Amino acid sequence: MKITITDAASKWFHDDMGVTTGNGVRFYGKTYGKTAVHSGFSIGIMRDDEPHQPIAITEKDGVNYYVNDRDEWFFTGYDLTVDFDEANDGPKYEYTPNNE
């Protein structure tokens, strides 16, 4: 799995979530909602500076963005791109099949 954070998304995380160099953001699967590839589940985000057995991690502008092993079920088979959605004033997520 690969995580990509766009410049616009990075700016949103810094401005709206208040993350700074050395901080972390965890992506995870949660019940209820839906995504382009899941029904009944949606993606969650939380500030978490301590990755626990990450299956994917990327650094952008000094911040670590990651998925822990306990959320592998949600992301298996996909790479994740996080961008900024101007209409909703928040992040948007693109899941790209990766044949894993």
PDB file of N, CA and C in Angstrom:
ATOM      1  N   MET A   1       0.839  -1.179   0.000  1.00  0.00           N
ATOM      2  CA  MET A   1       0.000   0.000   0.000  1.00  0.00           C
ATOM      3  C   MET A   1       0.883   1.240   0.000  1.00  0.00           C
ATOM      4  N   LYS A   2       0.457   2.212  -0.764  1.00  0.00           N
ATOM      5  CA  LYS A   2       1.166   3.493  -0.837  1.00  0.00           C
ATOM      6  C   LYS A   2       0.193   4.606  -0.444  1.00  0.00           C
ATOM      7  N   ILE A   3       0.672   5.558   0.322  1.00  0.00           N
ATOM      8  CA  ILE A   3      -0.115   6.737   0.704  1.00  0.00           C
ATOM      9  C   ILE A   3       0.507   7.951   0.037  1.00  0.00           C
ATOM     10  N   THR A   4      -0.326   8.737  -0.639  1.00  0.00           N
ATOM     11  CA  THR A   4       0.119   9.982  -1.261  1.00  0.00           C
ATOM     12  C   THR A   4      -0.697  11.124  -0.680  1.00  0.00           C
ATOM     13  N   ILE A   5      -0.022  12.165  -0.228  1.00  0.00           N
ATOM     14  CA  ILE A   5      -0.665  13.365   0.314  1.00  0.00           C
ATOM     15  C   ILE A   5      -0.337  14.515  -0.632  1.00  0.00           C
ATOM     16  N   THR A   6      -1.354  15.166  -1.179  1.00  0.00           N
ATOM     17  CA  THR A   6      -1.097  16.294  -2.076  1.00  0.00           C
ATOM     18  C   THR A   6      -0.688  17.525  -1.269  1.00  0.00           C
ATOM     19  N   ASP A   7      -0.133  18.507  -1.957  1.00  0.00           N
ATOM     20  CA  ASP A   7       0.239  19.762  -1.295  1.00  0.00           C
ATOM     21  C   ASP A   7      -0.976  20.421  -0.651  1.00  0.00           C
ATOM     22  N   ALA A   8      -2.107  20.415  -1.367  1.00  0.00           N
ATOM     23  CA  ALA A   8      -3.326  21.046  -0.840  1.00  0.00           C
ATOM     24  C   ALA A   8      -3.821  20.324   0.409  1.00  0.00           C
ATOM     25  N   ALA A   9      -3.755  18.998   0.414  1.00  0.00           N
ATOM     26  CA  ALA A   9      -4.172  18.239   1.595  1.00  0.00           C
ATOM     27  C   ALA A   9      -3.229  18.509   2.768  1.00  0.00           C
ATOM     28  N   SER A  10      -1.941  18.553   2.495  1.00  0.00           N
ATOM     29  CA  SER A  10      -0.966  18.844   3.547  1.00  0.00           C
ATOM     30  C   SER A  10      -1.259  20.195   4.192  1.00  0.00           C
ATOM     31  N   LYS A  11      -1.570  21.173   3.374  1.00  0.00           N
ATOM     32  CA  LYS A  11      -1.905  22.504   3.893  1.00  0.00           C
ATOM     33  C   LYS A  11      -3.129  22.427   4.803  1.00  0.00           C
ATOM     34  N   TRP A  12      -4.152  21.670   4.390  1.00  0.00           N
ATOM     35  CA  TRP A  12      -5.357  21.531   5.207  1.00  0.00           C
ATOM     36  C   TRP A  12      -5.012  20.891   6.556  1.00  0.00           C
ATOM     37  N   PHE A  13      -4.232  19.818   6.543  1.00  0.00           N
ATOM     38  CA  PHE A  13      -3.862  19.165   7.804  1.00  0.00           C
ATOM     39  C   PHE A  13      -3.100  20.120   8.717  1.00  0.00           C
ATOM     40  N   HIS A  14      -2.215  20.926   8.155  1.00  0.00           N
ATOM     41  CA  HIS A  14      -1.476  21.901   8.963  1.00  0.00           C
ATOM     42  C   HIS A  14      -2.403  23.001   9.484  1.00  0.00           C
ATOM     43  N   ASP A  15      -3.222  23.561   8.602  1.00  0.00           N
ATOM     44  CA  ASP A  15      -4.067  24.700   8.979  1.00  0.00           C
ATOM     45  C   ASP A  15      -5.249  24.305   9.855  1.00  0.00           C
ATOM     46  N   ASP A  16      -5.937  23.213   9.514  1.00  0.00           N
ATOM     47  CA  ASP A  16      -7.172  22.864  10.212  1.00  0.00           C
ATOM     48  C   ASP A  16      -6.976  21.883  11.368  1.00  0.00           C
ATOM     49  N   MET A  17      -6.050  20.959  11.227  1.00  0.00           N
ATOM     50  CA  MET A  17      -5.794  20.005  12.311  1.00  0.00           C
ATOM     51  C   MET A  17      -4.649  20.458  13.205  1.00  0.00           C
ATOM     52  N   GLY A  18      -3.911  21.464  12.752  1.00  0.00           N
ATOM     53  CA  GLY A  18      -2.837  22.014  13.569  1.00  0.00           C
ATOM     54  C   GLY A  18      -1.604  21.136  13.671  1.00  0.00           C
ATOM     55  N   VAL A  19      -1.422  20.211  12.706  1.00  0.00           N
ATOM     56  CA  VAL A  19      -0.227  19.367  12.760  1.00  0.00           C
ATOM     57  C   VAL A  19       1.009  20.180  12.409  1.00  0.00           C
ATOM     58  N   THR A  20       2.121  19.789  12.998  1.00  0.00           N
ATOM     59  CA  THR A  20       3.406  20.435  12.738  1.00  0.00           C
ATOM     60  C   THR A  20       4.465  19.348  12.573  1.00  0.00           C
ATOM     61  N   THR A  21       5.661  19.762  12.244  1.00  0.00           N
ATOM     62  CA  THR A  21       6.766  18.828  12.055  1.00  0.00           C
ATOM     63  C   THR A  21       6.889  17.887  13.253  1.00  0.00           C
ATOM     64  N   GLY A  22       6.985  16.601  12.953  1.00  0.00           N
ATOM     65  CA  GLY A  22       7.105  15.588  13.995  1.00  0.00           C
ATOM     66  C   GLY A  22       5.792  14.956  14.402  1.00  0.00           C
ATOM     67  N   ASN A  23       4.671  15.538  13.987  1.00  0.00           N
ATOM     68  CA  ASN A  23       3.361  14.976  14.306  1.00  0.00           C
ATOM     69  C   ASN A  23       3.022  13.842  13.349  1.00  0.00           C
ATOM     70  N   GLY A  24       1.925  13.146  13.658  1.00  0.00           N
ATOM     71  CA  GLY A  24       1.449  12.059  12.814  1.00  0.00           C
ATOM     72  C   GLY A  24      -0.051  12.120  12.630  1.00  0.00           C
ATOM     73  N   VAL A  25      -0.511  11.583  11.505  1.00  0.00           N
ATOM     74  CA  VAL A  25      -1.937  11.455  11.205  1.00  0.00           C
ATOM     75  C   VAL A  25      -2.182  10.005  10.811  1.00  0.00           C
ATOM     76  N   ARG A  26      -3.150   9.379  11.482  1.00  0.00           N
ATOM     77  CA  ARG A  26      -3.481   7.977  11.206  1.00  0.00           C
ATOM     78  C   ARG A  26      -4.784   7.912  10.424  1.00  0.00           C
ATOM     79  N   PHE A  27      -4.787   7.086   9.393  1.00  0.00           N
ATOM     80  CA  PHE A  27      -5.994   6.785   8.631  1.00  0.00           C
ATOM     81  C   PHE A  27      -6.469   5.403   9.061  1.00  0.00           C
ATOM     82  N   TYR A  28      -7.783   5.246   9.232  1.00  0.00           N
ATOM     83  CA  TYR A  28      -8.311   3.967   9.694  1.00  0.00           C
ATOM     84  C   TYR A  28      -9.712   3.744   9.134  1.00  0.00           C
ATOM     85  N   GLY A  29     -10.131   2.497   9.142  1.00  0.00           N
ATOM     86  CA  GLY A  29     -11.479   2.155   8.709  1.00  0.00           C
ATOM     87  C   GLY A  29     -12.424   2.196   9.887  1.00  0.00           C
ATOM     88  N   LYS A  30     -13.631   2.702   9.656  1.00  0.00           N
ATOM     89  CA  LYS A  30     -14.628   2.750  10.723  1.00  0.00           C
ATOM     90  C   LYS A  30     -15.987   2.337  10.168  1.00  0.00           C
ATOM     91  N   THR A  31     -16.840   1.855  11.050  1.00  0.00           N
ATOM     92  CA  THR A  31     -18.162   1.421  10.621  1.00  0.00           C
ATOM     93  C   THR A  31     -19.045   2.621  10.326  1.00  0.00           C
ATOM     94  N   TYR A  32     -20.020   2.380   9.463  1.00  0.00           N
ATOM     95  CA  TYR A  32     -20.996   3.365   8.991  1.00  0.00           C
ATOM     96  C   TYR A  32     -20.383   4.258   7.915  1.00  0.00           C
ATOM     97  N   GLY A  33     -21.214   4.689   7.028  1.00  0.00           N
ATOM     98  CA  GLY A  33     -20.785   5.522   5.918  1.00  0.00           C
ATOM     99  C   GLY A  33     -20.465   4.673   4.707  1.00  0.00           C
ATOM    100  N   LYS A  34     -19.802   5.283   3.749  1.00  0.00           N
ATOM    101  CA  LYS A  34     -19.362   4.539   2.576  1.00  0.00           C
ATOM    102  C   LYS A  34     -18.251   5.302   1.880  1.00  0.00           C
ATOM    103  N   THR A  35     -17.500   4.576   1.090  1.00  0.00           N
ATOM    104  CA  THR A  35     -16.457   5.161   0.259  1.00  0.00           C
ATOM    105  C   THR A  35     -16.719   4.706  -1.169  1.00  0.00           C
ATOM    106  N   ALA A  36     -15.860   5.095  -2.072  1.00  0.00           N
ATOM    107  CA  ALA A  36     -15.999   4.657  -3.463  1.00  0.00           C
ATOM    108  C   ALA A  36     -15.801   3.148  -3.593  1.00  0.00           C
ATOM    109  N   VAL A  37     -15.182   2.515  -2.600  1.00  0.00           N
ATOM    110  CA  VAL A  37     -14.894   1.081  -2.685  1.00  0.00           C
ATOM    111  C   VAL A  37     -15.431   0.274  -1.500  1.00  0.00           C
ATOM    112  N   HIS A  38     -16.110   0.913  -0.548  1.00  0.00           N
ATOM    113  CA  HIS A  38     -16.653   0.222   0.618  1.00  0.00           C
ATOM    114  C   HIS A  38     -18.100   0.656   0.842  1.00  0.00           C
ATOM    115  N   SER A  39     -18.928  -0.283   1.228  1.00  0.00           N
ATOM    116  CA  SER A  39     -20.290   0.035   1.631  1.00  0.00           C
ATOM    117  C   SER A  39     -20.427  -0.339   3.103  1.00  0.00           C
ATOM    118  N   GLY A  40     -20.928   0.593   3.913  1.00  0.00           N
ATOM    119  CA  GLY A  40     -21.074   0.339   5.338  1.00  0.00           C
ATOM    120  C   GLY A  40     -19.859   0.719   6.163  1.00  0.00           C
ATOM    121  N   PHE A  41     -18.815   1.197   5.497  1.00  0.00           N
ATOM    122  CA  PHE A  41     -17.596   1.611   6.189  1.00  0.00           C
ATOM    123  C   PHE A  41     -17.097   2.914   5.581  1.00  0.00           C
ATOM    124  N   SER A  42     -16.409   3.703   6.375  1.00  0.00           N
ATOM    125  CA  SER A  42     -15.818   4.945   5.871  1.00  0.00           C
ATOM    126  C   SER A  42     -14.422   5.103   6.466  1.00  0.00           C
ATOM    127  N   ILE A  43     -13.716   6.081   5.956  1.00  0.00           N
ATOM    128  CA  ILE A  43     -12.357   6.328   6.431  1.00  0.00           C
ATOM    129  C   ILE A  43     -12.397   7.325   7.589  1.00  0.00           C
ATOM    130  N   GLY A  44     -11.568   7.088   8.561  1.00  0.00           N
ATOM    131  CA  GLY A  44     -11.425   8.012   9.670  1.00  0.00           C
ATOM    132  C   GLY A  44     -10.007   8.555   9.699  1.00  0.00           C
ATOM    133  N   ILE A  45      -9.853   9.730  10.303  1.00  0.00           N
ATOM    134  CA  ILE A  45      -8.527  10.317  10.490  1.00  0.00           C
ATOM    135  C   ILE A  45      -8.407  10.783  11.931  1.00  0.00           C
ATOM    136  N   MET A  46      -7.225  10.659  12.461  1.00  0.00           N
ATOM    137  CA  MET A  46      -6.986  11.195  13.799  1.00  0.00           C
ATOM    138  C   MET A  46      -5.518  11.550  13.947  1.00  0.00           C
ATOM    139  N   ARG A  47      -5.281  12.527  14.758  1.00  0.00           N
ATOM    140  CA  ARG A  47      -3.917  12.911  15.100  1.00  0.00           C
ATOM    141  C   ARG A  47      -3.376  11.850  16.030  1.00  0.00           C
ATOM    142  N   ASP A  48      -2.277  11.236  15.644  1.00  0.00           N
ATOM    143  CA  ASP A  48      -1.651  10.180  16.437  1.00  0.00           C
ATOM    144  C   ASP A  48      -0.174  10.174  16.069  1.00  0.00           C
ATOM    145  N   ASP A  49       0.658  10.577  16.989  1.00  0.00           N
ATOM    146  CA  ASP A  49       2.084  10.742  16.713  1.00  0.00           C
ATOM    147  C   ASP A  49       2.893   9.456  16.840  1.00  0.00           C
ATOM    148  N   GLU A  50       2.264   8.359  17.265  1.00  0.00           N
ATOM    149  CA  GLU A  50       2.983   7.106  17.502  1.00  0.00           C
ATOM    150  C   GLU A  50       2.424   5.978  16.641  1.00  0.00           C
ATOM    151  N   PRO A  51       2.959   5.777  15.439  1.00  0.00           N
ATOM    152  CA  PRO A  51       2.498   4.647  14.618  1.00  0.00           C
ATOM    153  C   PRO A  51       2.732   3.319  15.342  1.00  0.00           C
ATOM    154  N   HIS A  52       1.748   2.418  15.251  1.00  0.00           N
ATOM    155  CA  HIS A  52       1.863   1.090  15.845  1.00  0.00           C
ATOM    156  C   HIS A  52       1.832   0.070  14.720  1.00  0.00           C
ATOM    157  N   GLN A  53       2.961  -0.509  14.411  1.00  0.00           N
ATOM    158  CA  GLN A  53       3.101  -1.495  13.346  1.00  0.00           C
ATOM    159  C   GLN A  53       2.445  -1.016  12.047  1.00  0.00           C
ATOM    160  N   PRO A  54       2.933   0.092  11.496  1.00  0.00           N
ATOM    161  CA  PRO A  54       2.317   0.618  10.271  1.00  0.00           C
ATOM    162  C   PRO A  54       2.537  -0.307   9.077  1.00  0.00           C
ATOM    163  N   ILE A  55       1.496  -0.431   8.248  1.00  0.00           N
ATOM    164  CA  ILE A  55       1.620  -1.180   6.996  1.00  0.00           C
ATOM    165  C   ILE A  55       1.983  -0.241   5.855  1.00  0.00           C
ATOM    166  N   ALA A  56       1.770   1.056   6.077  1.00  0.00           N
ATOM    167  CA  ALA A  56       2.150   2.080   5.099  1.00  0.00           C
ATOM    168  C   ALA A  56       2.387   3.373   5.851  1.00  0.00           C
ATOM    169  N   ILE A  57       3.415   4.096   5.440  1.00  0.00           N
ATOM    170  CA  ILE A  57       3.723   5.382   6.064  1.00  0.00           C
ATOM    171  C   ILE A  57       4.408   6.259   5.027  1.00  0.00           C
ATOM    172  N   THR A  58       4.042   7.527   5.044  1.00  0.00           N
ATOM    173  CA  THR A  58       4.702   8.490   4.173  1.00  0.00           C
ATOM    174  C   THR A  58       4.866   9.787   4.942  1.00  0.00           C
ATOM    175  N   GLU A  59       5.899  10.520   4.633  1.00  0.00           N
ATOM    176  CA  GLU A  59       6.155  11.813   5.277  1.00  0.00           C
ATOM    177  C   GLU A  59       5.928  12.914   4.253  1.00  0.00           C
ATOM    178  N   LYS A  60       5.209  13.943   4.670  1.00  0.00           N
ATOM    179  CA  LYS A  60       4.963  15.108   3.818  1.00  0.00           C
ATOM    180  C   LYS A  60       5.050  16.337   4.700  1.00  0.00           C
ATOM    181  N   ASP A  61       5.929  17.257   4.345  1.00  0.00           N
ATOM    182  CA  ASP A  61       6.089  18.515   5.078  1.00  0.00           C
ATOM    183  C   ASP A  61       6.309  18.291   6.573  1.00  0.00           C
ATOM    184  N   GLY A  62       7.081  17.246   6.903  1.00  0.00           N
ATOM    185  CA  GLY A  62       7.448  16.985   8.285  1.00  0.00           C
ATOM    186  C   GLY A  62       6.453  16.177   9.086  1.00  0.00           C
ATOM    187  N   VAL A  63       5.332  15.791   8.489  1.00  0.00           N
ATOM    188  CA  VAL A  63       4.285  15.042   9.189  1.00  0.00           C
ATOM    189  C   VAL A  63       4.239  13.621   8.634  1.00  0.00           C
ATOM    190  N   ASN A  64       4.124  12.634   9.528  1.00  0.00           N
ATOM    191  CA  ASN A  64       3.982  11.238   9.117  1.00  0.00           C
ATOM    192  C   ASN A  64       2.505  10.888   8.975  1.00  0.00           C
ATOM    193  N   TYR A  65       2.138  10.354   7.827  1.00  0.00           N
ATOM    194  CA  TYR A  65       0.777   9.894   7.538  1.00  0.00           C
ATOM    195  C   TYR A  65       0.852   8.384   7.399  1.00  0.00           C
ATOM    196  N   TYR A  66      -0.028   7.653   8.080  1.00  0.00           N
ATOM    197  CA  TYR A  66       0.149   6.204   8.098  1.00  0.00           C
ATOM    198  C   TYR A  66      -1.147   5.443   8.340  1.00  0.00           C
ATOM    199  N   VAL A  67      -1.056   4.130   8.099  1.00  0.00           N
ATOM    200  CA  VAL A  67      -2.106   3.159   8.393  1.00  0.00           C
ATOM    201  C   VAL A  67      -1.465   2.068   9.238  1.00  0.00           C
ATOM    202  N   ASN A  68      -2.083   1.739  10.367  1.00  0.00           N
ATOM    203  CA  ASN A  68      -1.583   0.671  11.229  1.00  0.00           C
ATOM    204  C   ASN A  68      -2.058  -0.693  10.735  1.00  0.00           C
ATOM    205  N   ASP A  69      -1.396  -1.729  11.195  1.00  0.00           N
ATOM    206  CA  ASP A  69      -1.727  -3.087  10.755  1.00  0.00           C
ATOM    207  C   ASP A  69      -3.154  -3.498  11.101  1.00  0.00           C
ATOM    208  N   ARG A  70      -3.717  -2.996  12.181  1.00  0.00           N
ATOM    209  CA  ARG A  70      -5.072  -3.396  12.557  1.00  0.00           C
ATOM    210  C   ARG A  70      -6.136  -2.846  11.601  1.00  0.00           C
ATOM    211  N   ASP A  71      -5.753  -1.938  10.711  1.00  0.00           N
ATOM    212  CA  ASP A  71      -6.684  -1.403   9.713  1.00  0.00           C
ATOM    213  C   ASP A  71      -6.366  -1.887   8.301  1.00  0.00           C
ATOM    214  N   GLU A  72      -5.531  -2.899   8.224  1.00  0.00           N
ATOM    215  CA  GLU A  72      -5.163  -3.439   6.918  1.00  0.00           C
ATOM    216  C   GLU A  72      -6.392  -3.926   6.149  1.00  0.00           C
ATOM    217  N   TRP A  73      -7.381  -4.493   6.851  1.00  0.00           N
ATOM    218  CA  TRP A  73      -8.600  -5.000   6.214  1.00  0.00           C
ATOM    219  C   TRP A  73      -9.276  -3.933   5.355  1.00  0.00           C
ATOM    220  N   PHE A  74      -9.209  -2.692   5.773  1.00  0.00           N
ATOM    221  CA  PHE A  74      -9.901  -1.604   5.080  1.00  0.00           C
ATOM    222  C   PHE A  74      -9.161  -1.171   3.818  1.00  0.00           C
ATOM    223  N   PHE A  75      -7.854  -1.261   3.834  1.00  0.00           N
ATOM    224  CA  PHE A  75      -7.037  -0.720   2.747  1.00  0.00           C
ATOM    225  C   PHE A  75      -6.450  -1.786   1.817  1.00  0.00           C
ATOM    226  N   THR A  76      -6.609  -3.065   2.142  1.00  0.00           N
ATOM    227  CA  THR A  76      -6.035  -4.128   1.318  1.00  0.00           C
ATOM    228  C   THR A  76      -6.495  -4.000  -0.128  1.00  0.00           C
ATOM    229  N   GLY A  77      -5.520  -4.028  -1.039  1.00  0.00           N
ATOM    230  CA  GLY A  77      -5.815  -3.959  -2.468  1.00  0.00           C
ATOM    231  C   GLY A  77      -5.837  -2.562  -3.045  1.00  0.00           C
ATOM    232  N   TYR A  78      -5.581  -1.550  -2.200  1.00  0.00           N
ATOM    233  CA  TYR A  78      -5.667  -0.166  -2.670  1.00  0.00           C
ATOM    234  C   TYR A  78      -4.500   0.682  -2.181  1.00  0.00           C
ATOM    235  N   ASP A  79      -4.104   1.633  -3.016  1.00  0.00           N
ATOM    236  CA  ASP A  79      -3.266   2.748  -2.599  1.00  0.00           C
ATOM    237  C   ASP A  79      -4.205   3.896  -2.272  1.00  0.00           C
ATOM    238  N   LEU A  80      -3.779   4.789  -1.403  1.00  0.00           N
ATOM    239  CA  LEU A  80      -4.613   5.904  -0.957  1.00  0.00           C
ATOM    240  C   LEU A  80      -3.973   7.230  -1.341  1.00  0.00           C
ATOM    241  N   THR A  81      -4.741   8.061  -2.042  1.00  0.00           N
ATOM    242  CA  THR A  81      -4.326   9.434  -2.317  1.00  0.00           C
ATOM    243  C   THR A  81      -5.263  10.354  -1.562  1.00  0.00           C
ATOM    244  N   VAL A  82      -4.700  11.273  -0.790  1.00  0.00           N
ATOM    245  CA  VAL A  82      -5.484  12.242  -0.029  1.00  0.00           C
ATOM    246  C   VAL A  82      -5.259  13.606  -0.661  1.00  0.00           C
ATOM    247  N   ASP A  83      -6.363  14.244  -1.041  1.00  0.00           N
ATOM    248  CA  ASP A  83      -6.333  15.564  -1.660  1.00  0.00           C
ATOM    249  C   ASP A  83      -7.264  16.470  -0.866  1.00  0.00           C
ATOM    250  N   PHE A  84      -7.380  17.717  -1.269  1.00  0.00           N
ATOM    251  CA  PHE A  84      -8.261  18.678  -0.613  1.00  0.00           C
ATOM    252  C   PHE A  84      -9.486  18.905  -1.489  1.00  0.00           C
ATOM    253  N   ASP A  85     -10.664  18.845  -0.886  1.00  0.00           N
ATOM    254  CA  ASP A  85     -11.930  19.073  -1.575  1.00  0.00           C
ATOM    255  C   ASP A  85     -12.435  20.463  -1.204  1.00  0.00           C
ATOM    256  N   GLU A  86     -12.319  21.399  -2.138  1.00  0.00           N
ATOM    257  CA  GLU A  86     -12.732  22.782  -1.862  1.00  0.00           C
ATOM    258  C   GLU A  86     -14.213  22.881  -1.536  1.00  0.00           C
ATOM    259  N   ALA A  87     -15.050  22.103  -2.213  1.00  0.00           N
ATOM    260  CA  ALA A  87     -16.499  22.175  -1.999  1.00  0.00           C
ATOM    261  C   ALA A  87     -16.875  21.785  -0.571  1.00  0.00           C
ATOM    262  N   ASN A  88     -16.175  20.820   0.000  1.00  0.00           N
ATOM    263  CA  ASN A  88     -16.463  20.363   1.363  1.00  0.00           C
ATOM    264  C   ASN A  88     -15.489  20.912   2.397  1.00  0.00           C
ATOM    265  N   ASP A  89     -14.502  21.682   1.951  1.00  0.00           N
ATOM    266  CA  ASP A  89     -13.492  22.271   2.825  1.00  0.00           C
ATOM    267  C   ASP A  89     -12.846  21.224   3.735  1.00  0.00           C
ATOM    268  N   GLY A  90     -12.450  20.119   3.114  1.00  0.00           N
ATOM    269  CA  GLY A  90     -11.803  19.056   3.865  1.00  0.00           C
ATOM    270  C   GLY A  90     -11.154  18.058   2.938  1.00  0.00           C
ATOM    271  N   PRO A  91     -10.593  17.010   3.497  1.00  0.00           N
ATOM    272  CA  PRO A  91      -9.892  16.034   2.658  1.00  0.00           C
ATOM    273  C   PRO A  91     -10.851  15.185   1.835  1.00  0.00           C
ATOM    274  N   LYS A  92     -10.348  14.729   0.690  1.00  0.00           N
ATOM    275  CA  LYS A  92     -11.063  13.731  -0.109  1.00  0.00           C
ATOM    276  C   LYS A  92     -10.085  12.608  -0.393  1.00  0.00           C
ATOM    277  N   TYR A  93     -10.632  11.425  -0.601  1.00  0.00           N
ATOM    278  CA  TYR A  93      -9.822  10.218  -0.670  1.00  0.00           C
ATOM    279  C   TYR A  93     -10.051   9.494  -1.988  1.00  0.00           C
ATOM    280  N   GLU A  94      -8.957   9.094  -2.605  1.00  0.00           N
ATOM    281  CA  GLU A  94      -9.022   8.317  -3.839  1.00  0.00           C
ATOM    282  C   GLU A  94      -8.339   6.980  -3.586  1.00  0.00           C
ATOM    283  N   TYR A  95      -9.058   5.912  -3.893  1.00  0.00           N
ATOM    284  CA  TYR A  95      -8.542   4.558  -3.725  1.00  0.00           C
ATOM    285  C   TYR A  95      -8.174   4.016  -5.103  1.00  0.00           C
ATOM    286  N   THR A  96      -6.911   3.643  -5.283  1.00  0.00           N
ATOM    287  CA  THR A  96      -6.427   3.122  -6.556  1.00  0.00           C
ATOM    288  C   THR A  96      -6.046   1.661  -6.371  1.00  0.00           C
ATOM    289  N   PRO A  97      -6.646   0.749  -7.154  1.00  0.00           N
ATOM    290  CA  PRO A  97      -6.280  -0.665  -7.022  1.00  0.00           C
ATOM    291  C   PRO A  97      -4.775  -0.869  -7.218  1.00  0.00           C
ATOM    292  N   ASN A  98      -4.177  -1.724  -6.372  1.00  0.00           N
ATOM    293  CA  ASN A  98      -2.730  -1.957  -6.450  1.00  0.00           C
ATOM    294  C   ASN A  98      -2.361  -3.430  -6.589  1.00  0.00           C
ATOM    295  N   ASN A  99      -3.359  -4.291  -6.781  1.00  0.00           N
ATOM    296  CA  ASN A  99      -3.134  -5.733  -6.987  1.00  0.00           C
ATOM    297  C   ASN A  99      -2.466  -6.433  -5.813  1.00  0.00           C
ATOM    298  N   GLU A 100      -2.596  -5.902  -4.622  1.00  0.00           N
ATOM    299  CA  GLU A 100      -2.053  -6.583  -3.429  1.00  0.00           C
ATOM    300  C   GLU A 100      -3.083  -7.535  -2.867  1.00  0.00           C
TER     301      GLU A 100
END
